[in-house]
Amino acid sequence: TPGMESDMFHFLAVQSNLYMKTDRRELAQEGFPHLMELAFNAEDRSDFWDDMEMLGNLALELHEFAAMKRVLYNMEIQLHMFSEEQIGLDIQVKIQEMRLAYCKGIKDEKSLREAELAYIELCKKQYLEGKRTRAAAIDYKIQLNMQYEENVQYKKQIDIDQLTGVGNRYKLEKEYKTL
């Protein structure tokens, strides 16, 4: 079943990462082909980006550059099937970071320079998007503060007689209720 394949993939990926962390690289290497098969033949693609990132990072650690190339290729195909807005800058940056690591790993200087330039452009976009998001949040906070101040002023106006500036009967009733 599709859910079972996904669960098996995640179990083997976690197991492989544990093998790598405990210096049992050969066990991770041994299970890696099965992990690749599960990742690329899975029908359930709900965790696609996370799965490919996990698989790509493991491929890099194992120096499985052919597998890494296949992961990147698969991610590129998915990337071009959707618009930038649907994918999001975070995923695009992750893919580019993986491409940088791949180019370093295979020692391809020309591709590395191209990947670095693309990475810089994505980071600029991400920075500008973050600034816009922060600016919108600041504007929203300013609006909330202005509304709060207006409410405070309105409540003061309700309690004070406009002609005399002295508390009115509403203020007297409120004070009486608090006693």
Protein backbone atom coordinates (compact mmCIF):
# COMPACT_ATOMS: atom_id res chain seq x y z
CA THR A 1 0.00 0.00 0.00
CA PRO A 2 1.17 3.59 -0.63
CA GLY A 3 1.19 4.60 3.04
CA MET A 4 3.27 1.55 3.93
CA GLU A 5 5.92 2.41 1.32
CA SER A 6 6.19 5.91 2.75
CA ASP A 7 6.48 4.57 6.30
CA MET A 8 9.15 2.09 5.19
CA PHE A 9 11.08 4.86 3.44
CA HIS A 10 11.03 7.04 6.56
CA PHE A 11 12.04 4.14 8.79
CA LEU A 12 14.98 3.23 6.54
CA ALA A 13 16.03 6.88 6.18
CA VAL A 14 16.10 7.37 9.94
CA GLN A 15 17.91 4.06 10.34
CA SER A 16 20.50 5.08 7.75
CA ASN A 17 21.06 8.43 9.45
CA LEU A 18 21.59 6.64 12.75
CA TYR A 19 24.07 4.31 11.10
CA MET A 20 25.97 7.32 9.77
CA LYS A 21 26.01 9.00 13.18
CA THR A 22 27.26 5.85 14.89
CA ASP A 23 30.08 5.27 12.38
CA ARG A 24 28.42 2.27 10.76
CA ARG A 25 28.63 3.69 7.30
CA GLU A 26 28.75 0.28 5.64
CA LEU A 27 25.26 -0.56 6.97
CA ALA A 28 23.87 2.72 5.61
CA GLN A 29 25.62 2.02 2.29
CA GLU A 30 24.11 -1.47 2.19
CA GLY A 31 20.52 -0.22 2.63
CA PHE A 32 20.88 2.81 0.38
CA PRO A 33 19.80 1.13 -2.93
CA HIS A 34 16.57 -0.05 -1.31
CA LEU A 35 15.99 3.45 0.05
CA MET A 36 16.46 4.90 -3.45
CA GLU A 37 14.03 2.37 -4.90
CA LEU A 38 11.39 3.23 -2.31
CA ALA A 39 11.81 6.96 -2.86
CA PHE A 40 11.51 6.88 -6.62
CA ASN A 41 8.80 4.25 -6.89
CA ALA A 42 6.53 5.63 -4.17
CA GLU A 43 2.98 6.41 -5.21
CA ASP A 44 2.39 8.67 -2.21
CA ARG A 45 4.21 11.93 -2.99
CA SER A 46 2.86 14.05 -0.11
CA ASP A 47 6.30 14.29 1.56
CA PHE A 48 8.18 14.55 -1.74
CA TRP A 49 10.37 17.57 -0.91
CA ASP A 50 11.29 16.35 2.55
CA ASP A 51 11.96 12.84 1.28
CA MET A 52 14.18 14.07 -1.55
CA GLU A 53 16.07 16.36 0.81
CA MET A 54 16.63 13.49 3.24
CA LEU A 55 17.70 11.17 0.43
CA GLY A 56 19.96 13.81 -1.14
CA ASN A 57 21.71 14.56 2.14
CA LEU A 58 22.30 10.87 2.76
CA ALA A 59 23.61 10.42 -0.80
CA LEU A 60 26.07 13.28 -0.20
CA GLU A 61 27.26 11.78 3.08
CA LEU A 62 27.76 8.41 1.40
CA HIS A 63 29.48 10.06 -1.60
CA GLU A 64 26.86 8.52 -3.87
CA PHE A 65 27.07 11.30 -6.45
CA ALA A 66 25.21 9.40 -9.18
CA ALA A 67 22.30 8.99 -6.77
CA MET A 68 22.57 12.64 -5.80
CA LYS A 69 22.39 13.64 -9.46
CA ARG A 70 19.23 11.55 -9.82
CA VAL A 71 17.69 13.20 -6.73
CA LEU A 72 18.47 16.68 -8.06
CA TYR A 73 17.08 15.79 -11.48
CA ASN A 74 13.87 14.50 -9.92
CA MET A 75 13.54 17.66 -7.83
CA GLU A 76 14.08 19.83 -10.92
CA ILE A 77 11.30 18.02 -12.76
CA GLN A 78 8.92 18.65 -9.87
CA LEU A 79 10.10 22.24 -9.57
CA HIS A 80 9.24 22.99 -13.20
CA MET A 81 5.78 21.44 -12.89
CA PHE A 82 4.66 24.18 -10.50
CA SER A 83 4.96 27.94 -10.31
CA GLU A 84 7.48 29.61 -7.99
CA GLU A 85 4.63 30.72 -5.72
CA GLN A 86 3.40 27.14 -5.34
CA ILE A 87 6.85 25.78 -4.53
CA GLY A 88 8.08 28.59 -2.31
CA LEU A 89 11.50 30.12 -1.96
CA ASP A 90 12.52 27.90 0.95
CA ILE A 91 12.34 24.77 -1.18
CA GLN A 92 14.11 26.47 -4.08
CA VAL A 93 16.92 27.52 -1.73
CA LYS A 94 17.22 23.96 -0.37
CA ILE A 95 17.49 22.56 -3.89
CA GLN A 96 20.17 25.10 -4.74
CA GLU A 97 22.08 24.27 -1.54
CA MET A 98 21.99 20.61 -2.52
CA ARG A 99 23.21 21.51 -6.01
CA LEU A 100 26.11 23.45 -4.46
CA ALA A 101 27.06 20.47 -2.30
CA TYR A 102 26.82 18.16 -5.32
CA CYS A 103 29.04 20.39 -7.47
CA LYS A 104 31.60 20.62 -4.66
CA GLY A 105 31.48 16.86 -4.21
CA ILE A 106 32.18 16.10 -7.87
CA LYS A 107 34.64 19.02 -8.07
CA ASP A 108 32.91 20.68 -11.05
CA GLU A 109 34.13 24.27 -10.72
CA LYS A 110 32.16 25.68 -13.65
CA SER A 111 28.85 24.27 -12.44
CA LEU A 112 29.72 25.30 -8.89
CA ARG A 113 30.13 28.96 -9.96
CA GLU A 114 26.80 28.86 -11.81
CA ALA A 115 25.10 27.27 -8.80
CA GLU A 116 26.62 29.90 -6.51
CA LEU A 117 25.24 32.73 -8.67
CA ALA A 118 21.78 31.15 -8.74
CA TYR A 119 21.96 30.61 -4.97
CA ILE A 120 22.84 34.27 -4.39
CA GLU A 121 19.84 35.38 -6.49
CA LEU A 122 17.50 33.10 -4.55
CA CYS A 123 18.86 34.39 -1.25
CA LYS A 124 18.26 37.97 -2.41
CA LYS A 125 14.67 37.09 -3.27
CA GLN A 126 14.24 35.38 0.08
CA TYR A 127 15.67 38.40 1.89
CA LEU A 128 13.39 40.84 0.05
CA GLU A 129 10.38 38.60 0.65
CA GLY A 130 11.26 38.50 4.34
CA LYS A 131 11.54 42.28 4.44
CA ARG A 132 8.11 42.62 2.83
CA THR A 133 6.63 40.17 5.31
CA ARG A 134 8.20 42.03 8.25
CA ALA A 135 7.02 45.38 6.87
CA ALA A 136 3.46 44.04 6.56
CA ALA A 137 3.63 42.73 10.14
CA ILE A 138 4.89 46.10 11.39
CA ASP A 139 2.11 47.92 9.51
CA TYR A 140 -0.44 45.56 11.05
CA LYS A 141 0.97 46.16 14.53
CA ILE A 142 0.84 49.94 14.00
CA GLN A 143 -2.79 49.65 12.92
CA LEU A 144 -3.64 47.59 16.00
CA ASN A 145 -1.94 50.16 18.25
CA MET A 146 -3.87 52.99 16.56
CA GLN A 147 -7.15 51.10 17.05
CA TYR A 148 -6.26 50.51 20.70
CA GLU A 149 -5.53 54.21 21.22
CA GLU A 150 -8.80 55.16 19.51
CA ASN A 151 -10.69 52.74 21.77
CA VAL A 152 -9.02 54.23 24.86
CA GLN A 153 -9.94 57.75 23.71
CA TYR A 154 -13.48 56.65 22.94
CA LYS A 155 -13.89 55.10 26.40
CA LYS A 156 -12.62 58.33 27.99
CA GLN A 157 -15.11 60.35 25.95
CA ILE A 158 -17.97 58.14 27.10
CA ASP A 159 -17.13 58.77 30.78
CA ILE A 160 -16.57 62.53 30.59
CA ASP A 161 -19.05 65.32 30.00
CA GLN A 162 -17.91 67.16 26.88
CA LEU A 163 -19.02 70.58 28.10
CA THR A 164 -17.61 70.56 31.63
CA GLY A 165 -14.81 67.95 31.34
CA VAL A 166 -16.09 66.33 34.55
CA GLY A 167 -17.13 62.69 34.92
CA ASN A 168 -20.70 62.01 33.89
CA ARG A 169 -23.33 59.61 35.21
CA TYR A 170 -21.86 56.66 33.20
CA LYS A 171 -18.55 57.10 35.00
CA LEU A 172 -20.38 57.39 38.31
CA GLU A 173 -22.28 54.16 37.62
CA LYS A 174 -19.04 52.31 36.72
CA GLU A 175 -17.29 53.52 39.86
CA TYR A 176 -20.30 52.58 41.96
CA LYS A 177 -20.31 49.03 40.52
CA THR A 178 -16.61 48.55 41.34
CA LEU A 179 -17.16 49.45 45.05
